């Protein structure tokens, strides 16, 4: 596993142009001035999660299509390498 810094932001797979997540599980919407891998230096638009049966969920929206993901699932998709064809 790679050595990730908890304060660096990484693109959420499938939502690379819209959302970023850090190792602490914080999710933010990407603005035009934000770049991948930069540390959090200013005020950004962070998403508020909701708790559903003990799990934090986030609603991600692209082009009017919304999908709900668990915070743990977004962290796994972003930071754990996925084997091919799985």
PDB file of N, CA and C in Angstrom:
ATOM      1  N   UNK A   1       0.842  -1.185   0.000  1.00  0.00           N
ATOM      2  CA  UNK A   1       0.000   0.000   0.000  1.00  0.00           C
ATOM      3  C   UNK A   1       0.880   1.238   0.000  1.00  0.00           C
ATOM      4  N   UNK A   2       0.456   2.247  -0.740  1.00  0.00           N
ATOM      5  CA  UNK A   2       1.214   3.486  -0.809  1.00  0.00           C
ATOM      6  C   UNK A   2       1.153   4.227   0.515  1.00  0.00           C
ATOM      7  N   UNK A   3       2.131   5.077   0.739  1.00  0.00           N
ATOM      8  CA  UNK A   3       2.159   5.896   1.940  1.00  0.00           C
ATOM      9  C   UNK A   3       1.464   7.219   1.633  1.00  0.00           C
ATOM     10  N   UNK A   4       0.213   7.369   2.068  1.00  0.00           N
ATOM     11  CA  UNK A   4      -0.584   8.553   1.789  1.00  0.00           C
ATOM     12  C   UNK A   4      -0.528   9.520   2.968  1.00  0.00           C
ATOM     13  N   UNK A   5      -0.509  10.800   2.667  1.00  0.00           N
ATOM     14  CA  UNK A   5      -0.635  11.820   3.699  1.00  0.00           C
ATOM     15  C   UNK A   5      -2.124  12.075   3.925  1.00  0.00           C
ATOM     16  N   UNK A   6      -2.601  12.135   5.169  1.00  0.00           N
ATOM     17  CA  UNK A   6      -4.031  12.306   5.409  1.00  0.00           C
ATOM     18  C   UNK A   6      -4.564  13.670   4.986  1.00  0.00           C
ATOM     19  N   UNK A   7      -3.686  14.641   4.748  1.00  0.00           N
ATOM     20  CA  UNK A   7      -4.165  15.970   4.396  1.00  0.00           C
ATOM     21  C   UNK A   7      -4.118  16.253   2.904  1.00  0.00           C
ATOM     22  N   UNK A   8      -3.632  15.332   2.101  1.00  0.00           N
ATOM     23  CA  UNK A   8      -3.622  15.518   0.655  1.00  0.00           C
ATOM     24  C   UNK A   8      -4.924  14.995   0.060  1.00  0.00           C
ATOM     25  N   UNK A   9      -5.383  15.664  -0.973  1.00  0.00           N
ATOM     26  CA  UNK A   9      -6.655  15.335  -1.598  1.00  0.00           C
ATOM     27  C   UNK A   9      -6.436  14.481  -2.830  1.00  0.00           C
ATOM     28  N   UNK A  10      -7.330  13.511  -3.029  1.00  0.00           N
ATOM     29  CA  UNK A  10      -7.267  12.605  -4.169  1.00  0.00           C
ATOM     30  C   UNK A  10      -8.646  12.571  -4.829  1.00  0.00           C
ATOM     31  N   UNK A  11      -8.664  12.409  -6.143  1.00  0.00           N
ATOM     32  CA  UNK A  11      -9.925  12.378  -6.886  1.00  0.00           C
ATOM     33  C   UNK A  11     -10.708  11.109  -6.547  1.00  0.00           C
ATOM     34  N   UNK A  12     -12.016  11.256  -6.433  1.00  0.00           N
ATOM     35  CA  UNK A  12     -12.901  10.116  -6.196  1.00  0.00           C
ATOM     36  C   UNK A  12     -13.075   9.403  -7.539  1.00  0.00           C
ATOM     37  N   UNK A  13     -12.766   8.103  -7.634  1.00  0.00           N
ATOM     38  CA  UNK A  13     -12.903   7.383  -8.911  1.00  0.00           C
ATOM     39  C   UNK A  13     -14.326   7.463  -9.452  1.00  0.00           C
ATOM     40  N   UNK A  14     -14.418   7.799 -10.725  1.00  0.00           N
ATOM     41  CA  UNK A  14     -15.714   7.979 -11.362  1.00  0.00           C
ATOM     42  C   UNK A  14     -16.234   9.394 -11.269  1.00  0.00           C
ATOM     43  N   UNK A  15     -15.639  10.194 -10.385  1.00  0.00           N
ATOM     44  CA  UNK A  15     -16.049  11.587 -10.185  1.00  0.00           C
ATOM     45  C   UNK A  15     -14.821  12.502 -10.165  1.00  0.00           C
ATOM     46  N   UNK A  16     -13.816  12.177 -10.992  1.00  0.00           N
ATOM     47  CA  UNK A  16     -12.524  12.855 -10.945  1.00  0.00           C
ATOM     48  C   UNK A  16     -12.631  14.367 -11.137  1.00  0.00           C
ATOM     49  N   UNK A  17     -13.545  14.815 -11.969  1.00  0.00           N
ATOM     50  CA  UNK A  17     -13.671  16.246 -12.252  1.00  0.00           C
ATOM     51  C   UNK A  17     -14.592  16.967 -11.275  1.00  0.00           C
ATOM     52  N   UNK A  18     -15.156  16.253 -10.300  1.00  0.00           N
ATOM     53  CA  UNK A  18     -16.180  16.852  -9.443  1.00  0.00           C
ATOM     54  C   UNK A  18     -15.884  16.804  -7.952  1.00  0.00           C
ATOM     55  N   UNK A  19     -15.321  15.691  -7.452  1.00  0.00           N
ATOM     56  CA  UNK A  19     -15.151  15.529  -6.012  1.00  0.00           C
ATOM     57  C   UNK A  19     -13.761  15.010  -5.674  1.00  0.00           C
ATOM     58  N   UNK A  20     -13.293  15.378  -4.461  1.00  0.00           N
ATOM     59  CA  UNK A  20     -12.036  14.882  -3.920  1.00  0.00           C
ATOM     60  C   UNK A  20     -12.270  14.372  -2.508  1.00  0.00           C
ATOM     61  N   UNK A  21     -11.406  13.446  -2.073  1.00  0.00           N
ATOM     62  CA  UNK A  21     -11.498  12.881  -0.733  1.00  0.00           C
ATOM     63  C   UNK A  21     -10.088  12.794  -0.159  1.00  0.00           C
ATOM     64  N   UNK A  22      -9.974  12.953   1.164  1.00  0.00           N
ATOM     65  CA  UNK A  22      -8.671  12.743   1.797  1.00  0.00           C
ATOM     66  C   UNK A  22      -8.745  11.489   2.653  1.00  0.00           C
ATOM     67  N   UNK A  23      -7.629  11.106   3.232  1.00  0.00           N
ATOM     68  CA  UNK A  23      -7.551   9.846   3.975  1.00  0.00           C
ATOM     69  C   UNK A  23      -8.381   9.869   5.263  1.00  0.00           C
ATOM     70  N   UNK A  24      -8.756  11.047   5.725  1.00  0.00           N
ATOM     71  CA  UNK A  24      -9.597  11.157   6.916  1.00  0.00           C
ATOM     72  C   UNK A  24     -11.078  10.969   6.594  1.00  0.00           C
ATOM     73  N   UNK A  25     -11.417  10.869   5.290  1.00  0.00           N
ATOM     74  CA  UNK A  25     -12.800  10.663   4.882  1.00  0.00           C
ATOM     75  C   UNK A  25     -13.567  11.931   4.607  1.00  0.00           C
ATOM     76  N   UNK A  26     -12.901  13.075   4.594  1.00  0.00           N
ATOM     77  CA  UNK A  26     -13.556  14.335   4.283  1.00  0.00           C
ATOM     78  C   UNK A  26     -13.685  14.455   2.771  1.00  0.00           C
ATOM     79  N   UNK A  27     -14.861  14.851   2.292  1.00  0.00           N
ATOM     80  CA  UNK A  27     -15.116  14.972   0.862  1.00  0.00           C
ATOM     81  C   UNK A  27     -15.420  16.429   0.551  1.00  0.00           C
ATOM     82  N   UNK A  28     -14.847  16.906  -0.555  1.00  0.00           N
ATOM     83  CA  UNK A  28     -15.129  18.277  -0.972  1.00  0.00           C
ATOM     84  C   UNK A  28     -15.403  18.307  -2.473  1.00  0.00           C
ATOM     85  N   UNK A  29     -16.155  19.335  -2.854  1.00  0.00           N
ATOM     86  CA  UNK A  29     -16.437  19.579  -4.257  1.00  0.00           C
ATOM     87  C   UNK A  29     -15.257  20.322  -4.853  1.00  0.00           C
ATOM     88  N   UNK A  30     -14.856  19.961  -6.056  1.00  0.00           N
ATOM     89  CA  UNK A  30     -13.706  20.589  -6.701  1.00  0.00           C
ATOM     90  C   UNK A  30     -14.126  21.915  -7.319  1.00  0.00           C
ATOM     91  N   UNK A  31     -13.326  22.937  -7.054  1.00  0.00           N
ATOM     92  CA  UNK A  31     -13.516  24.216  -7.736  1.00  0.00           C
ATOM     93  C   UNK A  31     -12.491  24.289  -8.859  1.00  0.00           C
ATOM     94  N   UNK A  32     -12.633  25.258  -9.729  1.00  0.00           N
ATOM     95  CA  UNK A  32     -11.728  25.367 -10.864  1.00  0.00           C
ATOM     96  C   UNK A  32     -10.288  25.636 -10.452  1.00  0.00           C
ATOM     97  N   UNK A  33     -10.061  26.211  -9.266  1.00  0.00           N
ATOM     98  CA  UNK A  33      -8.708  26.547  -8.824  1.00  0.00           C
ATOM     99  C   UNK A  33      -8.051  25.425  -8.019  1.00  0.00           C
ATOM    100  N   UNK A  34      -8.753  24.322  -7.784  1.00  0.00           N
ATOM    101  CA  UNK A  34      -8.237  23.224  -6.977  1.00  0.00           C
ATOM    102  C   UNK A  34      -7.477  22.237  -7.861  1.00  0.00           C
ATOM    103  N   UNK A  35      -6.334  21.745  -7.389  1.00  0.00           N
ATOM    104  CA  UNK A  35      -5.589  20.736  -8.135  1.00  0.00           C
ATOM    105  C   UNK A  35      -5.451  19.478  -7.284  1.00  0.00           C
ATOM    106  N   UNK A  36      -5.316  18.359  -7.952  1.00  0.00           N
ATOM    107  CA  UNK A  36      -5.175  17.077  -7.268  1.00  0.00           C
ATOM    108  C   UNK A  36      -3.845  17.060  -6.519  1.00  0.00           C
ATOM    109  N   UNK A  37      -3.869  16.567  -5.281  1.00  0.00           N
ATOM    110  CA  UNK A  37      -2.652  16.417  -4.503  1.00  0.00           C
ATOM    111  C   UNK A  37      -2.278  17.626  -3.670  1.00  0.00           C
ATOM    112  N   UNK A  38      -2.996  18.729  -3.801  1.00  0.00           N
ATOM    113  CA  UNK A  38      -2.632  19.907  -3.013  1.00  0.00           C
ATOM    114  C   UNK A  38      -3.179  19.793  -1.598  1.00  0.00           C
ATOM    115  N   UNK A  39      -2.487  20.395  -0.673  1.00  0.00           N
ATOM    116  CA  UNK A  39      -2.961  20.419   0.711  1.00  0.00           C
ATOM    117  C   UNK A  39      -4.093  21.433   0.823  1.00  0.00           C
ATOM    118  N   UNK A  40      -4.922  21.276   1.832  1.00  0.00           N
ATOM    119  CA  UNK A  40      -6.043  22.182   2.046  1.00  0.00           C
ATOM    120  C   UNK A  40      -5.523  23.498   2.593  1.00  0.00           C
ATOM    121  N   UNK A  41      -5.583  24.548   1.800  1.00  0.00           N
ATOM    122  CA  UNK A  41      -5.032  25.832   2.218  1.00  0.00           C
ATOM    123  C   UNK A  41      -6.087  26.909   2.400  1.00  0.00           C
ATOM    124  N   UNK A  42      -7.248  26.756   1.859  1.00  0.00           N
ATOM    125  CA  UNK A  42      -8.255  27.807   1.956  1.00  0.00           C
ATOM    126  C   UNK A  42      -9.621  27.243   2.262  1.00  0.00           C
ATOM    127  N   UNK A  43     -10.623  28.111   2.236  1.00  0.00           N
ATOM    128  CA  UNK A  43     -11.989  27.700   2.511  1.00  0.00           C
ATOM    129  C   UNK A  43     -12.572  27.039   1.274  1.00  0.00           C
ATOM    130  N   UNK A  44     -13.054  25.821   1.412  1.00  0.00           N
ATOM    131  CA  UNK A  44     -13.595  25.042   0.306  1.00  0.00           C
ATOM    132  C   UNK A  44     -15.013  24.602   0.638  1.00  0.00           C
ATOM    133  N   UNK A  45     -15.712  24.070  -0.362  1.00  0.00           N
ATOM    134  CA  UNK A  45     -17.067  23.565  -0.179  1.00  0.00           C
ATOM    135  C   UNK A  45     -17.003  22.090   0.203  1.00  0.00           C
ATOM    136  N   UNK A  46     -17.221  21.791   1.466  1.00  0.00           N
ATOM    137  CA  UNK A  46     -17.187  20.418   1.969  1.00  0.00           C
ATOM    138  C   UNK A  46     -18.600  19.847   1.979  1.00  0.00           C
ATOM    139  N   UNK A  47     -18.715  18.560   1.715  1.00  0.00           N
ATOM    140  CA  UNK A  47     -20.016  17.898   1.749  1.00  0.00           C
ATOM    141  C   UNK A  47     -20.354  17.489   3.172  1.00  0.00           C
ATOM    142  N   UNK A  48     -21.632  17.559   3.491  1.00  0.00           N
ATOM    143  CA  UNK A  48     -22.106  17.083   4.783  1.00  0.00           C
ATOM    144  C   UNK A  48     -22.699  15.699   4.567  1.00  0.00           C
ATOM    145  N   UNK A  49     -22.184  14.753   5.302  1.00  0.00           N
ATOM    146  CA  UNK A  49     -22.709  13.392   5.206  1.00  0.00           C
ATOM    147  C   UNK A  49     -23.914  13.226   6.119  1.00  0.00           C
ATOM    148  N   UNK A  50     -24.632  12.170   5.896  1.00  0.00           N
ATOM    149  CA  UNK A  50     -25.737  11.831   6.796  1.00  0.00           C
ATOM    150  C   UNK A  50     -25.519  10.419   7.295  1.00  0.00           C
ATOM    151  N   UNK A  51     -26.040  10.139   8.455  1.00  0.00           N
ATOM    152  CA  UNK A  51     -25.854   8.822   9.062  1.00  0.00           C
ATOM    153  C   UNK A  51     -27.069   7.964   8.753  1.00  0.00           C
ATOM    154  N   UNK A  52     -26.808   6.776   8.207  1.00  0.00           N
ATOM    155  CA  UNK A  52     -27.861   5.823   7.892  1.00  0.00           C
ATOM    156  C   UNK A  52     -27.436   4.470   8.447  1.00  0.00           C
ATOM    157  N   UNK A  53     -28.123   4.002   9.467  1.00  0.00           N
ATOM    158  CA  UNK A  53     -27.846   2.733  10.138  1.00  0.00           C
ATOM    159  C   UNK A  53     -26.388   2.651  10.596  1.00  0.00           C
ATOM    160  N   UNK A  54     -25.866   3.750  11.115  1.00  0.00           N
ATOM    161  CA  UNK A  54     -24.528   3.771  11.681  1.00  0.00           C
ATOM    162  C   UNK A  54     -23.416   4.085  10.700  1.00  0.00           C
ATOM    163  N   UNK A  55     -23.730   4.225   9.409  1.00  0.00           N
ATOM    164  CA  UNK A  55     -22.725   4.520   8.392  1.00  0.00           C
ATOM    165  C   UNK A  55     -22.922   5.940   7.858  1.00  0.00           C
ATOM    166  N   UNK A  56     -21.832   6.630   7.607  1.00  0.00           N
ATOM    167  CA  UNK A  56     -21.913   7.965   7.015  1.00  0.00           C
ATOM    168  C   UNK A  56     -22.073   7.809   5.510  1.00  0.00           C
ATOM    169  N   UNK A  57     -23.072   8.473   4.941  1.00  0.00           N
ATOM    170  CA  UNK A  57     -23.339   8.418   3.508  1.00  0.00           C
ATOM    171  C   UNK A  57     -23.220   9.802   2.895  1.00  0.00           C
ATOM    172  N   UNK A  58     -22.789   9.829   1.648  1.00  0.00           N
ATOM    173  CA  UNK A  58     -22.692  11.074   0.889  1.00  0.00           C
ATOM    174  C   UNK A  58     -23.459  10.916  -0.407  1.00  0.00           C
ATOM    175  N   UNK A  59     -24.119  11.986  -0.821  1.00  0.00           N
ATOM    176  CA  UNK A  59     -24.856  11.998  -2.071  1.00  0.00           C
ATOM    177  C   UNK A  59     -24.017  12.775  -3.086  1.00  0.00           C
ATOM    178  N   UNK A  60     -23.494  12.059  -4.098  1.00  0.00           N
ATOM    179  CA  UNK A  60     -22.697  12.683  -5.145  1.00  0.00           C
ATOM    180  C   UNK A  60     -23.581  12.899  -6.358  1.00  0.00           C
ATOM    181  N   UNK A  61     -23.456  14.065  -6.977  1.00  0.00           N
ATOM    182  CA  UNK A  61     -24.325  14.444  -8.082  1.00  0.00           C
ATOM    183  C   UNK A  61     -23.486  14.927  -9.257  1.00  0.00           C
ATOM    184  N   UNK A  62     -23.761  14.382 -10.455  1.00  0.00           N
ATOM    185  CA  UNK A  62     -23.118  14.823 -11.683  1.00  0.00           C
ATOM    186  C   UNK A  62     -24.191  14.931 -12.754  1.00  0.00           C
ATOM    187  N   UNK A  63     -24.311  16.102 -13.339  1.00  0.00           N
ATOM    188  CA  UNK A  63     -25.287  16.358 -14.412  1.00  0.00           C
ATOM    189  C   UNK A  63     -26.709  15.995 -13.989  1.00  0.00           C
ATOM    190  N   UNK A  64     -27.067  16.268 -12.756  1.00  0.00           N
ATOM    191  CA  UNK A  64     -28.406  16.025 -12.250  1.00  0.00           C
ATOM    192  C   UNK A  64     -28.672  14.591 -11.824  1.00  0.00           C
ATOM    193  N   UNK A  65     -27.706  13.701 -11.974  1.00  0.00           N
ATOM    194  CA  UNK A  65     -27.864  12.297 -11.566  1.00  0.00           C
ATOM    195  C   UNK A  65     -27.197  12.115 -10.210  1.00  0.00           C
ATOM    196  N   UNK A  66     -27.989  11.738  -9.207  1.00  0.00           N
ATOM    197  CA  UNK A  66     -27.480  11.577  -7.849  1.00  0.00           C
ATOM    198  C   UNK A  66     -27.280  10.101  -7.527  1.00  0.00           C
ATOM    199  N   UNK A  67     -26.227   9.830  -6.769  1.00  0.00           N
ATOM    200  CA  UNK A  67     -25.962   8.479  -6.300  1.00  0.00           C
ATOM    201  C   UNK A  67     -25.440   8.572  -4.875  1.00  0.00           C
ATOM    202  N   UNK A  68     -25.885   7.666  -4.011  1.00  0.00           N
ATOM    203  CA  UNK A  68     -25.497   7.677  -2.606  1.00  0.00           C
ATOM    204  C   UNK A  68     -24.403   6.633  -2.393  1.00  0.00           C
ATOM    205  N   UNK A  69     -23.321   7.053  -1.722  1.00  0.00           N
ATOM    206  CA  UNK A  69     -22.202   6.161  -1.410  1.00  0.00           C
ATOM    207  C   UNK A  69     -21.907   6.238   0.079  1.00  0.00           C
ATOM    208  N   UNK A  70     -21.491   5.126   0.644  1.00  0.00           N
ATOM    209  CA  UNK A  70     -20.990   5.118   2.011  1.00  0.00           C
ATOM    210  C   UNK A  70     -19.587   5.700   2.041  1.00  0.00           C
ATOM    211  N   UNK A  71     -19.270   6.393   3.117  1.00  0.00           N
ATOM    212  CA  UNK A  71     -17.943   6.993   3.256  1.00  0.00           C
ATOM    213  C   UNK A  71     -16.865   5.919   3.180  1.00  0.00           C
ATOM    214  N   UNK A  72     -17.092   4.784   3.803  1.00  0.00           N
ATOM    215  CA  UNK A  72     -16.122   3.700   3.800  1.00  0.00           C
ATOM    216  C   UNK A  72     -15.900   3.164   2.383  1.00  0.00           C
ATOM    217  N   UNK A  73     -16.950   3.141   1.573  1.00  0.00           N
ATOM    218  CA  UNK A  73     -16.842   2.657   0.197  1.00  0.00           C
ATOM    219  C   UNK A  73     -16.018   3.622  -0.660  1.00  0.00           C
ATOM    220  N   UNK A  74     -16.236   4.921  -0.491  1.00  0.00           N
ATOM    221  CA  UNK A  74     -15.461   5.921  -1.242  1.00  0.00           C
ATOM    222  C   UNK A  74     -13.989   5.868  -0.852  1.00  0.00           C
ATOM    223  N   UNK A  75     -13.708   5.682   0.440  1.00  0.00           N
ATOM    224  CA  UNK A  75     -12.315   5.556   0.883  1.00  0.00           C
ATOM    225  C   UNK A  75     -11.664   4.315   0.269  1.00  0.00           C
ATOM    226  N   UNK A  76     -12.382   3.201   0.252  1.00  0.00           N
ATOM    227  CA  UNK A  76     -11.827   1.973  -0.312  1.00  0.00           C
ATOM    228  C   UNK A  76     -11.589   2.104  -1.811  1.00  0.00           C
ATOM    229  N   UNK A  77     -12.526   2.695  -2.537  1.00  0.00           N
ATOM    230  CA  UNK A  77     -12.359   2.871  -3.980  1.00  0.00           C
ATOM    231  C   UNK A  77     -11.163   3.752  -4.304  1.00  0.00           C
ATOM    232  N   UNK A  78     -10.916   4.749  -3.459  1.00  0.00           N
ATOM    233  CA  UNK A  78      -9.854   5.711  -3.729  1.00  0.00           C
ATOM    234  C   UNK A  78      -8.481   5.200  -3.314  1.00  0.00           C
ATOM    235  N   UNK A  79      -8.373   4.557  -2.169  1.00  0.00           N
ATOM    236  CA  UNK A  79      -7.059   4.274  -1.595  1.00  0.00           C
ATOM    237  C   UNK A  79      -6.617   2.809  -1.619  1.00  0.00           C
ATOM    238  N   UNK A  80      -7.507   1.876  -1.907  1.00  0.00           N
ATOM    239  CA  UNK A  80      -7.110   0.466  -1.966  1.00  0.00           C
ATOM    240  C   UNK A  80      -7.024   0.072  -3.440  1.00  0.00           C
ATOM    241  N   UNK A  81      -5.885  -0.460  -3.883  1.00  0.00           N
ATOM    242  CA  UNK A  81      -5.748  -0.853  -5.293  1.00  0.00           C
ATOM    243  C   UNK A  81      -6.761  -1.928  -5.669  1.00  0.00           C
ATOM    244  N   UNK A  82      -7.383  -1.751  -6.813  1.00  0.00           N
ATOM    245  CA  UNK A  82      -8.388  -2.694  -7.298  1.00  0.00           C
ATOM    246  C   UNK A  82      -7.753  -3.655  -8.287  1.00  0.00           C
ATOM    247  N   UNK A  83      -7.902  -4.983  -8.095  1.00  0.00           N
ATOM    248  CA  UNK A  83      -7.371  -5.929  -9.073  1.00  0.00           C
ATOM    249  C   UNK A  83      -8.145  -5.824 -10.389  1.00  0.00           C
ATOM    250  N   UNK A  84      -7.498  -6.106 -11.512  1.00  0.00           N
ATOM    251  CA  UNK A  84      -8.193  -6.025 -12.795  1.00  0.00           C
ATOM    252  C   UNK A  84      -9.369  -7.009 -12.867  1.00  0.00           C
ATOM    253  N   UNK A  85     -10.410  -6.595 -13.546  1.00  0.00           N
ATOM    254  CA  UNK A  85     -11.613  -7.415 -13.779  1.00  0.00           C
ATOM    255  C   UNK A  85     -12.336  -7.825 -12.498  1.00  0.00           C
ATOM    256  N   UNK A  86     -12.235  -7.017 -11.449  1.00  0.00           N
ATOM    257  CA  UNK A  86     -12.944  -7.312 -10.201  1.00  0.00           C
ATOM    258  C   UNK A  86     -13.844  -6.168  -9.847  1.00  0.00           C
TER     259      UNK A  86
END
